[in-house]
Amino acid sequence: MNGPIPAKLFAATLLVTLAACGGGESGDAGVAQDTSAATAAAFDSGAAAAPAAPAPAAPAPAATTGMLDPNAAPREQLLGVPGVTPAMADALVAGRPFQDMTAVDKVLAGQNLTEQQRDSVYTRLWKPIDLNKASKEEILLIPGVGPRMQHEFEEYRPYRNIEQFRREIGKYVNEQEVARLEQYVSITPQ
């Protein structure tokens, strides 16, 4: 999928990730900053979040966001993910099948990525985690999720459906951030 919509979604997701990681330049007046990532970062740091300014439309559901499945994406598609080198793509293909994102992360850990580079890769390459079964470590791999938000994800277990996730996590972050987080998760009812 190399059409204009996935490219725009990737750019929006990258901006959110950079804002969450502190990667934007504060003096760059030409870059609109998404306050949903700032809200999540403030929540994780314990600081009070400023009211959210109007944000771009919520991302499309996970099936159309351009996320690649690390178990299924061909090497050529993996190479299209910013930050993925040929050696990384080969290691990912050789490591299949991955049971969960911690297994993917172990492969990438051997590639000397910084946390910011890893988060950038995970905005395009992700195997949705089951909220009812995911480990703490796996939840923390979601770009922009820190220990406090990870605790909130676990606190509401078992999730019966995605609407419950939206409602409970929506208590802590705005609608756009809930939509962003939703693309990283799945729910197997208990």
C-alpha atoms as a PDB file:
ATOM      1  CA  MET A   1       0.000   0.000   0.000  1.00  0.00           C
ATOM      2  CA  ASN A   2       1.936   2.938  -1.226  1.00  0.00           C
ATOM      3  CA  GLY A   3      -1.037   5.205  -2.002  1.00  0.00           C
ATOM      4  CA  PRO A   4      -1.471   8.719  -0.643  1.00  0.00           C
ATOM      5  CA  ILE A   5      -3.677   7.783   2.312  1.00  0.00           C
ATOM      6  CA  PRO A   6      -1.225   5.404   4.044  1.00  0.00           C
ATOM      7  CA  ALA A   7       1.568   7.948   3.534  1.00  0.00           C
ATOM      8  CA  LYS A   8      -0.533  10.650   5.196  1.00  0.00           C
ATOM      9  CA  LEU A   9      -1.440   8.325   8.066  1.00  0.00           C
ATOM     10  CA  PHE A  10       2.206   7.419   8.502  1.00  0.00           C
ATOM     11  CA  ALA A  11       3.190  11.082   8.607  1.00  0.00           C
ATOM     12  CA  ALA A  12       0.503  11.836  11.213  1.00  0.00           C
ATOM     13  CA  THR A  13       1.516   8.819  13.310  1.00  0.00           C
ATOM     14  CA  LEU A  14       5.176   9.808  13.071  1.00  0.00           C
ATOM     15  CA  LEU A  15       4.380  13.333  14.291  1.00  0.00           C
ATOM     16  CA  VAL A  16       2.445  11.903  17.256  1.00  0.00           C
ATOM     17  CA  THR A  17       5.340   9.580  18.082  1.00  0.00           C
ATOM     18  CA  LEU A  18       7.908  12.358  17.820  1.00  0.00           C
ATOM     19  CA  ALA A  19       5.806  14.600  20.049  1.00  0.00           C
ATOM     20  CA  ALA A  20       5.474  11.781  22.607  1.00  0.00           C
ATOM     21  CA  CYS A  21       9.224  11.232  22.529  1.00  0.00           C
ATOM     22  CA  GLY A  22      10.045  14.936  22.683  1.00  0.00           C
ATOM     23  CA  GLY A  23      11.354  14.790  19.120  1.00  0.00           C
ATOM     24  CA  GLY A  24       9.885  18.012  17.751  1.00  0.00           C
ATOM     25  CA  GLU A  25      11.736  21.279  17.608  1.00  0.00           C
ATOM     26  CA  SER A  26       9.946  23.756  19.849  1.00  0.00           C
ATOM     27  CA  GLY A  27      10.746  26.731  17.657  1.00  0.00           C
ATOM     28  CA  ASP A  28       9.406  25.155  14.450  1.00  0.00           C
ATOM     29  CA  ALA A  29       6.269  27.182  13.818  1.00  0.00           C
ATOM     30  CA  GLY A  30       5.486  25.189  10.673  1.00  0.00           C
ATOM     31  CA  VAL A  31       4.880  21.948  12.573  1.00  0.00           C
ATOM     32  CA  ALA A  32       1.500  21.437  14.203  1.00  0.00           C
ATOM     33  CA  GLN A  33       1.881  19.475  17.410  1.00  0.00           C
ATOM     34  CA  ASP A  34      -0.731  16.866  18.350  1.00  0.00           C
ATOM     35  CA  THR A  35      -1.739  17.408  21.956  1.00  0.00           C
ATOM     36  CA  SER A  36      -3.003  13.851  22.369  1.00  0.00           C
ATOM     37  CA  ALA A  37       0.587  12.600  22.674  1.00  0.00           C
ATOM     38  CA  ALA A  38       1.377  15.445  25.059  1.00  0.00           C
ATOM     39  CA  THR A  39      -1.667  14.491  27.139  1.00  0.00           C
ATOM     40  CA  ALA A  40      -0.480  10.882  27.326  1.00  0.00           C
ATOM     41  CA  ALA A  41       3.064  11.984  28.207  1.00  0.00           C
ATOM     42  CA  ALA A  42       1.748  14.287  30.935  1.00  0.00           C
ATOM     43  CA  PHE A  43      -0.393  11.464  32.307  1.00  0.00           C
ATOM     44  CA  ASP A  44       2.602   9.108  32.417  1.00  0.00           C
ATOM     45  CA  SER A  45       4.772  11.724  34.127  1.00  0.00           C
ATOM     46  CA  GLY A  46       2.109  12.587  36.688  1.00  0.00           C
ATOM     47  CA  ALA A  47       1.867  16.199  35.502  1.00  0.00           C
ATOM     48  CA  ALA A  48      -1.437  17.890  34.874  1.00  0.00           C
ATOM     49  CA  ALA A  49      -2.289  17.917  31.200  1.00  0.00           C
ATOM     50  CA  ALA A  50      -3.316  21.083  29.462  1.00  0.00           C
ATOM     51  CA  PRO A  51      -6.684  21.018  27.732  1.00  0.00           C
ATOM     52  CA  ALA A  52      -6.365  19.463  24.320  1.00  0.00           C
ATOM     53  CA  ALA A  53      -6.464  21.787  21.350  1.00  0.00           C
ATOM     54  CA  PRO A  54      -8.399  20.663  18.299  1.00  0.00           C
ATOM     55  CA  ALA A  55      -6.532  17.782  16.697  1.00  0.00           C
ATOM     56  CA  PRO A  56      -6.613  16.210  13.279  1.00  0.00           C
ATOM     57  CA  ALA A  57      -9.264  13.590  12.580  1.00  0.00           C
ATOM     58  CA  ALA A  58      -8.792  10.288  14.377  1.00  0.00           C
ATOM     59  CA  PRO A  59      -6.773   7.670  12.528  1.00  0.00           C
ATOM     60  CA  ALA A  60      -8.637   5.018  10.572  1.00  0.00           C
ATOM     61  CA  PRO A  61      -9.239   1.613  12.180  1.00  0.00           C
ATOM     62  CA  ALA A  62      -6.193  -0.651  12.462  1.00  0.00           C
ATOM     63  CA  ALA A  63      -6.985  -2.579   9.289  1.00  0.00           C
ATOM     64  CA  THR A  64      -6.421   0.547   7.171  1.00  0.00           C
ATOM     65  CA  THR A  65      -3.654   2.349   9.072  1.00  0.00           C
ATOM     66  CA  GLY A  66      -0.830   0.838   7.078  1.00  0.00           C
ATOM     67  CA  MET A  67       0.494  -1.226  10.005  1.00  0.00           C
ATOM     68  CA  LEU A  68       2.487  -4.203   8.808  1.00  0.00           C
ATOM     69  CA  ASP A  69       2.227  -7.585  10.514  1.00  0.00           C
ATOM     70  CA  PRO A  70       5.771  -8.726  11.430  1.00  0.00           C
ATOM     71  CA  ASN A  71       4.694 -12.324  10.729  1.00  0.00           C
ATOM     72  CA  ALA A  72       3.342 -11.680   7.244  1.00  0.00           C
ATOM     73  CA  ALA A  73       4.989  -8.633   5.673  1.00  0.00           C
ATOM     74  CA  PRO A  74       7.333  -9.490   2.793  1.00  0.00           C
ATOM     75  CA  ARG A  75      10.950  -8.354   3.092  1.00  0.00           C
ATOM     76  CA  GLU A  76      10.322  -5.614   0.504  1.00  0.00           C
ATOM     77  CA  GLN A  77       7.536  -4.107   2.628  1.00  0.00           C
ATOM     78  CA  LEU A  78       9.670  -4.312   5.757  1.00  0.00           C
ATOM     79  CA  LEU A  79      12.364  -2.339   3.948  1.00  0.00           C
ATOM     80  CA  GLY A  80       9.760   0.366   3.277  1.00  0.00           C
ATOM     81  CA  VAL A  81       9.422   1.047   7.011  1.00  0.00           C
ATOM     82  CA  PRO A  82      11.587   4.044   7.924  1.00  0.00           C
ATOM     83  CA  GLY A  83      14.488   2.847  10.052  1.00  0.00           C
ATOM     84  CA  VAL A  84      14.377  -0.785   8.927  1.00  0.00           C
ATOM     85  CA  THR A  85      17.702  -1.818   7.415  1.00  0.00           C
ATOM     86  CA  PRO A  86      18.256  -4.846   5.151  1.00  0.00           C
ATOM     87  CA  ALA A  87      19.858  -6.695   8.090  1.00  0.00           C
ATOM     88  CA  MET A  88      16.841  -5.892  10.273  1.00  0.00           C
ATOM     89  CA  ALA A  89      14.376  -7.045   7.599  1.00  0.00           C
ATOM     90  CA  ASP A  90      16.335 -10.285   7.176  1.00  0.00           C
ATOM     91  CA  ALA A  91      16.392 -10.863  10.953  1.00  0.00           C
ATOM     92  CA  LEU A  92      12.642 -10.283  11.180  1.00  0.00           C
ATOM     93  CA  VAL A  93      11.903 -12.701   8.332  1.00  0.00           C
ATOM     94  CA  ALA A  94      14.255 -15.323   9.830  1.00  0.00           C
ATOM     95  CA  GLY A  95      12.704 -14.948  13.306  1.00  0.00           C
ATOM     96  CA  ARG A  96       9.159 -15.823  12.222  1.00  0.00           C
ATOM     97  CA  PRO A  97       6.722 -16.780  13.539  1.00  0.00           C
ATOM     98  CA  PHE A  98       6.543 -14.293  16.408  1.00  0.00           C
ATOM     99  CA  GLN A  99       4.242 -15.211  19.283  1.00  0.00           C
ATOM    100  CA  ASP A 100       4.043 -11.633  20.533  1.00  0.00           C
ATOM    101  CA  MET A 101       5.674  -8.216  20.307  1.00  0.00           C
ATOM    102  CA  THR A 102       8.292  -9.016  22.931  1.00  0.00           C
ATOM    103  CA  ALA A 103       9.684 -11.614  20.496  1.00  0.00           C
ATOM    104  CA  VAL A 104       9.773  -8.977  17.744  1.00  0.00           C
ATOM    105  CA  ASP A 105      11.459  -6.582  20.155  1.00  0.00           C
ATOM    106  CA  LYS A 106      14.179  -9.132  20.962  1.00  0.00           C
ATOM    107  CA  VAL A 107      15.056  -9.316  17.275  1.00  0.00           C
ATOM    108  CA  LEU A 108      15.154  -5.527  16.980  1.00  0.00           C
ATOM    109  CA  ALA A 109      17.165  -5.193  20.217  1.00  0.00           C
ATOM    110  CA  GLY A 110      20.039  -6.932  18.454  1.00  0.00           C
ATOM    111  CA  GLN A 111      20.013  -4.195  15.813  1.00  0.00           C
ATOM    112  CA  ASN A 112      21.241  -1.374  18.104  1.00  0.00           C
ATOM    113  CA  LEU A 113      18.165   0.846  17.763  1.00  0.00           C
ATOM    114  CA  THR A 114      17.571   3.738  20.102  1.00  0.00           C
ATOM    115  CA  GLU A 115      14.198   3.813  21.871  1.00  0.00           C
ATOM    116  CA  GLN A 116      13.070   6.616  19.542  1.00  0.00           C
ATOM    117  CA  GLN A 117      14.070   4.607  16.451  1.00  0.00           C
ATOM    118  CA  ARG A 118      12.268   1.543  17.805  1.00  0.00           C
ATOM    119  CA  ASP A 119       9.120   3.585  18.483  1.00  0.00           C
ATOM    120  CA  SER A 120       9.289   4.923  14.935  1.00  0.00           C
ATOM    121  CA  VAL A 121       9.438   1.368  13.552  1.00  0.00           C
ATOM    122  CA  TYR A 122       6.517   0.350  15.790  1.00  0.00           C
ATOM    123  CA  THR A 123       4.318   3.057  14.292  1.00  0.00           C
ATOM    124  CA  ARG A 124       4.353   0.972  11.077  1.00  0.00           C
ATOM    125  CA  LEU A 125       5.262  -2.578  12.148  1.00  0.00           C
ATOM    126  CA  TRP A 126       3.095  -4.124  14.851  1.00  0.00           C
ATOM    127  CA  LYS A 127       1.333  -7.328  15.861  1.00  0.00           C
ATOM    128  CA  PRO A 128      -1.730  -6.223  17.876  1.00  0.00           C
ATOM    129  CA  ILE A 129      -1.464  -7.275  21.513  1.00  0.00           C
ATOM    130  CA  ASP A 130      -4.334  -8.940  23.361  1.00  0.00           C
ATOM    131  CA  LEU A 131      -5.227  -6.577  26.197  1.00  0.00           C
ATOM    132  CA  ASN A 132      -6.489  -9.447  28.337  1.00  0.00           C
ATOM    133  CA  LYS A 133      -3.223 -11.412  28.077  1.00  0.00           C
ATOM    134  CA  ALA A 134      -0.406  -8.978  27.226  1.00  0.00           C
ATOM    135  CA  SER A 135       2.471  -8.699  29.659  1.00  0.00           C
ATOM    136  CA  LYS A 136       3.560  -5.413  31.200  1.00  0.00           C
ATOM    137  CA  GLU A 137       6.636  -5.456  28.970  1.00  0.00           C
ATOM    138  CA  GLU A 138       4.539  -5.920  25.849  1.00  0.00           C
ATOM    139  CA  ILE A 139       2.182  -3.048  26.737  1.00  0.00           C
ATOM    140  CA  LEU A 140       5.173  -0.773  27.344  1.00  0.00           C
ATOM    141  CA  LEU A 141       6.354  -1.412  23.771  1.00  0.00           C
ATOM    142  CA  ILE A 142       3.420   0.649  22.460  1.00  0.00           C
ATOM    143  CA  PRO A 143       4.928   3.992  21.389  1.00  0.00           C
ATOM    144  CA  GLY A 144       4.048   6.711  23.906  1.00  0.00           C
ATOM    145  CA  VAL A 145       2.881   4.342  26.660  1.00  0.00           C
ATOM    146  CA  GLY A 146       4.659   4.678  29.979  1.00  0.00           C
ATOM    147  CA  PRO A 147       4.237   2.916  33.324  1.00  0.00           C
ATOM    148  CA  ARG A 148       1.150   4.852  34.445  1.00  0.00           C
ATOM    149  CA  MET A 149      -0.800   4.226  31.235  1.00  0.00           C
ATOM    150  CA  GLN A 150       0.367   0.600  31.228  1.00  0.00           C
ATOM    151  CA  HIS A 151      -1.143   0.288  34.714  1.00  0.00           C
ATOM    152  CA  GLU A 152      -4.455   1.689  33.438  1.00  0.00           C
ATOM    153  CA  PHE A 153      -4.493  -0.803  30.565  1.00  0.00           C
ATOM    154  CA  GLU A 154      -4.119  -3.650  33.080  1.00  0.00           C
ATOM    155  CA  GLU A 155      -6.466  -2.224  35.719  1.00  0.00           C
ATOM    156  CA  TYR A 156      -9.583  -2.704  33.591  1.00  0.00           C
ATOM    157  CA  ARG A 157      -8.968  -6.348  32.720  1.00  0.00           C
ATOM    158  CA  PRO A 158     -10.774  -8.375  31.599  1.00  0.00           C
ATOM    159  CA  TYR A 159     -11.963  -6.322  28.641  1.00  0.00           C
ATOM    160  CA  ARG A 160     -15.199  -7.593  27.123  1.00  0.00           C
ATOM    161  CA  ASN A 161     -15.038  -5.457  23.965  1.00  0.00           C
ATOM    162  CA  ILE A 162     -13.276  -2.510  22.340  1.00  0.00           C
ATOM    163  CA  GLU A 163     -15.983  -0.106  23.509  1.00  0.00           C
ATOM    164  CA  GLN A 164     -14.973  -0.841  27.110  1.00  0.00           C
ATOM    165  CA  PHE A 165     -11.338  -0.051  26.221  1.00  0.00           C
ATOM    166  CA  ARG A 166     -12.395   3.241  24.621  1.00  0.00           C
ATOM    167  CA  ARG A 167     -14.509   4.208  27.612  1.00  0.00           C
ATOM    168  CA  GLU A 168     -11.954   3.316  30.313  1.00  0.00           C
ATOM    169  CA  ILE A 169      -8.816   4.666  28.607  1.00  0.00           C
ATOM    170  CA  GLY A 170     -10.824   7.699  27.453  1.00  0.00           C
ATOM    171  CA  LYS A 171     -10.916   8.754  31.122  1.00  0.00           C
ATOM    172  CA  TYR A 172      -7.193   9.547  30.873  1.00  0.00           C
ATOM    173  CA  VAL A 173      -6.553  10.716  27.315  1.00  0.00           C
ATOM    174  CA  ASN A 174      -8.542  12.405  24.577  1.00  0.00           C
ATOM    175  CA  GLU A 175     -10.436  10.696  21.763  1.00  0.00           C
ATOM    176  CA  GLN A 176      -7.611  11.007  19.248  1.00  0.00           C
ATOM    177  CA  GLU A 177      -5.138   9.359  21.599  1.00  0.00           C
ATOM    178  CA  VAL A 178      -7.600   6.538  22.353  1.00  0.00           C
ATOM    179  CA  ALA A 179      -7.942   5.968  18.588  1.00  0.00           C
ATOM    180  CA  ARG A 180      -4.143   5.919  18.218  1.00  0.00           C
ATOM    181  CA  LEU A 181      -3.743   3.428  21.067  1.00  0.00           C
ATOM    182  CA  GLU A 182      -6.560   1.269  19.736  1.00  0.00           C
ATOM    183  CA  GLN A 183      -4.585   0.385  16.609  1.00  0.00           C
ATOM    184  CA  TYR A 184      -2.059  -1.453  18.803  1.00  0.00           C
ATOM    185  CA  VAL A 185      -4.511  -3.701  20.648  1.00  0.00           C
ATOM    186  CA  SER A 186      -6.957  -6.543  20.213  1.00  0.00           C
ATOM    187  CA  ILE A 187      -9.354  -8.070  22.687  1.00  0.00           C
ATOM    188  CA  THR A 188     -10.126 -11.735  23.157  1.00  0.00           C
ATOM    189  CA  PRO A 189     -13.148 -11.769  25.489  1.00  0.00           C
ATOM    190  CA  GLN A 190     -12.685 -13.798  28.666  1.00  0.00           C
END
